[in-house]
Amino acid sequence: MKIRESGMPEETYWESFFDTRYIFSQMQLDNKIYDVAEFGSGYGTFTIPAAKIIRGNLYAFDIDATMIDRLKKRISEQHLSNIKVMLKDFVKEGTKLKDCSIDYAMLFNILHAEKPVALLNEAYRMLKPGGRVGVIHWIHSETTPRGPSMDIRPSPLQCVDWLLEANFEILKNEIQLPPYHYGIIGMKSPSQTLPEGKGLI
C-alpha cells in the first residue's frame, strides 16, 4: 500500500529542503540514542546522517523497491554497517520489530498516510518505555514547493491529537524547522506498557 501522494522528486532537489543536522538537534536525536526505526526511508535523506550519530542500529523501512535499492547503494558507498534496510509495507503489515526494543522512532513526512494513528500505535508498541517518537511534516501552507495536498496534509494540532490518541506524552510541540517544516516530539511514558488493543497494525 503506497502512502498517499508519496511520489518523490529528484534526489538532490528533495534533499535541499532539509538541514538534517539542525533537524536532529531540535528533534533530540543525538549520540545518546541507541536503536532507531524509520518509517519511510526514501533516498536515505535522514537515514544516512542519523546512522552516523546513533550508538546502535537504524532499521529503515520503505515500501518502494526503487528507494530501497538507492538507499542500499548509498550505504555501500559510505561503508556503513549499522543500517538494516527493510522492504516492507509497514502501513499494512507493521514493522515486525519486537515490542519495547527501539529507543527512537522517526516518522518524517509520513503522517498524511491513510491511517496515521495506526502508524503511531506501531511506533508506540516497538518503543522502549521512555523512548521517543519524532514527527516532522510540511507546514500547513500552500506556499511550500512540495508536500501533500492540503486536504490530507496534517496540521501540528492534528499530529498532536494523533500522538495523544496513540498514548504518547508530548515533550515538544510545533518545533520550527525552517524553511518548510515543523516538528513534534512524543514520549512513551517510562511507566507505561502497551495499552490493550494497541498491537500491530
Protein backbone atom coordinates (compact mmCIF):
# COMPACT_ATOMS: atom_id res chain seq x y z
CA MET A 1 0.00 0.00 0.00
CA LYS A 2 1.66 3.21 -1.16
CA ILE A 3 1.45 6.26 1.09
CA ARG A 4 -0.98 8.78 -0.39
CA GLU A 5 0.80 11.24 -2.71
CA SER A 6 4.14 9.61 -1.94
CA GLY A 7 5.83 10.32 -5.28
CA MET A 8 9.36 11.53 -4.68
CA PRO A 9 11.04 14.37 -6.59
CA GLU A 10 14.61 14.21 -7.85
CA GLU A 11 17.02 13.33 -5.04
CA THR A 12 19.17 16.48 -4.93
CA TYR A 13 16.11 18.72 -5.09
CA TRP A 14 14.41 16.76 -2.30
CA GLU A 15 17.42 16.92 -0.01
CA SER A 16 17.76 20.67 -0.50
CA PHE A 17 14.67 21.11 1.69
CA PHE A 18 16.34 19.73 4.83
CA ASP A 19 19.15 20.77 7.14
CA THR A 20 19.45 17.36 8.77
CA ARG A 21 22.00 18.42 11.38
CA TYR A 22 19.74 21.21 12.59
CA ILE A 23 16.64 18.99 12.44
CA PHE A 24 18.27 16.30 14.57
CA SER A 25 19.47 18.87 17.09
CA GLN A 26 15.91 20.13 17.52
CA MET A 27 14.30 16.69 17.46
CA GLN A 28 16.50 15.23 20.24
CA LEU A 29 18.13 12.63 18.03
CA ASP A 30 21.71 12.55 19.26
CA ASN A 31 24.59 10.28 20.23
CA LYS A 32 22.80 9.18 23.39
CA ILE A 33 20.31 7.26 21.25
CA TYR A 34 20.90 3.58 20.56
CA ASP A 35 18.44 1.86 18.20
CA VAL A 36 16.18 3.78 15.80
CA ALA A 37 13.34 2.82 13.45
CA GLU A 38 12.50 4.98 10.44
CA PHE A 39 9.09 4.80 8.75
CA GLY A 40 9.63 5.64 5.08
CA SER A 41 13.37 5.95 4.47
CA GLY A 42 13.14 7.15 0.87
CA TYR A 43 16.51 8.16 -0.55
CA GLY A 44 18.08 7.93 2.91
CA THR A 45 17.97 11.70 3.44
CA PHE A 46 17.64 11.19 7.19
CA THR A 47 18.77 7.56 7.37
CA ILE A 48 22.41 8.14 6.48
CA PRO A 49 23.15 11.10 8.79
CA ALA A 50 21.14 9.57 11.66
CA ALA A 51 23.09 6.30 11.43
CA LYS A 52 26.31 8.27 11.82
CA ILE A 53 25.06 9.82 15.06
CA ILE A 54 23.42 6.99 16.99
CA ARG A 55 25.15 4.25 19.00
CA GLY A 56 23.16 1.28 17.75
CA ASN A 57 21.29 0.14 14.66
CA LEU A 58 18.90 2.03 12.42
CA TYR A 59 16.05 -0.02 10.96
CA ALA A 60 14.99 1.69 7.73
CA PHE A 61 11.60 0.72 6.31
CA ASP A 62 10.21 1.62 2.91
CA ILE A 63 7.59 0.10 0.60
CA ASP A 64 9.23 1.26 -2.63
CA ALA A 65 11.83 -1.14 -4.04
CA THR A 66 13.48 1.66 -6.04
CA MET A 67 14.02 3.70 -2.89
CA ILE A 68 15.37 0.66 -1.09
CA ASP A 69 17.89 -0.02 -3.87
CA ARG A 70 19.05 3.60 -3.81
CA LEU A 71 19.48 3.53 -0.05
CA LYS A 72 21.46 0.30 -0.19
CA LYS A 73 23.81 1.88 -2.74
CA ARG A 74 24.38 4.91 -0.54
CA ILE A 75 25.04 2.69 2.48
CA SER A 76 27.63 0.74 0.50
CA GLU A 77 29.29 3.91 -0.78
CA GLN A 78 29.65 5.25 2.76
CA HIS A 79 30.67 1.90 4.29
CA LEU A 80 28.01 1.98 6.99
CA SER A 81 27.28 -1.24 8.85
CA ASN A 82 24.57 -0.21 11.32
CA ILE A 83 21.66 0.31 8.89
CA LYS A 84 19.23 -2.57 8.46
CA VAL A 85 17.15 -1.95 5.33
CA MET A 86 13.66 -3.45 5.19
CA LEU A 87 11.43 -3.57 2.10
CA LYS A 88 8.04 -3.82 3.77
CA ASP A 89 4.52 -2.49 3.53
CA PHE A 90 4.64 -1.24 7.11
CA VAL A 91 1.31 0.57 6.70
CA LYS A 92 -0.46 -2.74 6.13
CA GLU A 93 1.80 -5.20 7.98
CA GLY A 94 3.58 -3.23 10.69
CA THR A 95 7.34 -3.46 11.12
CA LYS A 96 7.57 -6.83 12.89
CA LEU A 97 10.19 -5.40 15.24
CA LYS A 98 9.98 -6.66 18.81
CA ASP A 99 7.91 -4.93 21.47
CA CYS A 100 9.81 -2.37 23.54
CA SER A 101 13.00 -2.75 21.50
CA ILE A 102 13.63 0.70 19.97
CA ASP A 103 14.80 3.97 21.53
CA TYR A 104 13.60 6.42 18.87
CA ALA A 105 11.09 6.24 16.00
CA MET A 106 11.31 8.66 13.07
CA LEU A 107 8.02 9.46 11.33
CA PHE A 108 9.18 12.18 8.98
CA ASN A 109 6.83 13.44 6.25
CA ILE A 110 4.59 10.41 6.53
CA LEU A 111 1.57 11.18 8.71
CA HIS A 112 -0.51 12.07 5.67
CA ALA A 113 -0.92 8.29 5.37
CA GLU A 114 -4.47 6.99 5.48
CA LYS A 115 -4.02 5.50 8.96
CA PRO A 116 -1.72 7.87 10.88
CA VAL A 117 -2.78 6.65 14.31
CA ALA A 118 -2.08 3.05 13.29
CA LEU A 119 1.49 4.07 12.42
CA LEU A 120 1.85 5.84 15.75
CA ASN A 121 0.44 2.80 17.56
CA GLU A 122 3.10 0.70 15.87
CA ALA A 123 5.79 3.16 16.93
CA TYR A 124 4.45 3.05 20.49
CA ARG A 125 4.50 -0.75 20.50
CA MET A 126 8.14 -1.04 19.49
CA LEU A 127 9.47 1.81 21.63
CA LYS A 128 11.02 1.11 24.99
CA PRO A 129 9.40 2.84 27.98
CA GLY A 130 10.83 6.35 27.90
CA GLY A 131 11.52 6.05 24.16
CA ARG A 132 10.74 8.97 21.88
CA VAL A 133 8.95 9.47 18.60
CA GLY A 134 9.90 12.31 16.29
CA VAL A 135 7.26 13.63 13.88
CA ILE A 136 8.04 16.21 11.23
CA HIS A 137 5.87 17.39 8.38
CA TRP A 138 5.43 20.15 5.86
CA ILE A 139 3.95 23.32 7.33
CA HIS A 140 0.23 23.68 6.72
CA SER A 141 0.54 26.21 3.93
CA GLU A 142 0.01 26.21 0.17
CA THR A 143 3.23 28.24 -0.25
CA THR A 144 5.51 25.21 0.14
CA PRO A 145 7.24 23.98 -3.04
CA ARG A 146 6.37 20.35 -2.28
CA GLY A 147 4.25 18.37 0.11
CA PRO A 148 0.94 16.50 0.01
CA SER A 149 -2.23 18.34 -0.97
CA MET A 150 -3.76 20.50 1.74
CA ASP A 151 -6.79 18.24 2.16
CA ILE A 152 -4.59 15.44 3.53
CA ARG A 153 -1.65 17.47 4.91
CA PRO A 154 -1.81 17.32 8.72
CA SER A 155 -1.59 20.42 10.86
CA PRO A 156 0.50 20.41 14.04
CA LEU A 157 -2.71 20.22 16.09
CA GLN A 158 -3.84 17.13 14.19
CA CYS A 159 -0.49 15.45 14.76
CA VAL A 160 -0.65 16.22 18.48
CA ASP A 161 -4.17 14.78 18.67
CA TRP A 162 -2.99 11.61 16.90
CA LEU A 163 0.00 11.27 19.21
CA LEU A 164 -2.22 11.61 22.26
CA GLU A 165 -4.66 9.06 20.82
CA ALA A 166 -1.72 6.65 20.47
CA ASN A 167 -0.97 7.21 24.18
CA PHE A 168 2.16 9.34 23.76
CA GLU A 169 3.07 12.20 26.04
CA ILE A 170 4.00 15.41 24.21
CA LEU A 171 7.51 16.62 25.03
CA LYS A 172 7.85 19.43 22.49
CA ASN A 173 5.25 20.88 20.16
CA GLU A 174 5.49 22.90 16.94
CA ILE A 175 9.25 22.98 16.69
CA GLN A 176 10.14 25.31 13.85
CA LEU A 177 12.28 23.59 11.21
CA PRO A 178 12.68 26.21 8.50
CA PRO A 179 12.08 26.78 5.75
CA TYR A 180 9.13 24.43 5.28
CA HIS A 181 8.71 22.02 8.19
CA TYR A 182 7.66 21.71 11.79
CA GLY A 183 8.39 19.01 14.35
CA ILE A 184 6.79 17.38 17.39
CA ILE A 185 8.43 15.06 19.91
CA GLY A 186 6.42 12.50 21.83
CA MET A 187 7.46 10.04 24.51
CA LYS A 188 6.28 6.65 25.68
CA SER A 189 5.95 7.06 29.42
CA PRO A 190 8.64 5.19 31.40
CA SER A 191 5.86 3.60 33.45
CA GLN A 192 3.67 2.57 30.54
CA THR A 193 3.40 -0.69 28.68
CA LEU A 194 1.43 -1.46 25.53
CA PRO A 195 -2.23 -0.49 26.01
CA GLU A 196 -4.80 -3.21 25.40
CA GLY A 197 -5.72 -3.42 21.74
CA LYS A 198 -2.74 -1.37 20.54
CA GLY A 199 -0.74 -4.12 18.84
CA LEU A 200 0.46 -4.44 15.29
CA ILE A 201 -1.39 -2.66 12.51
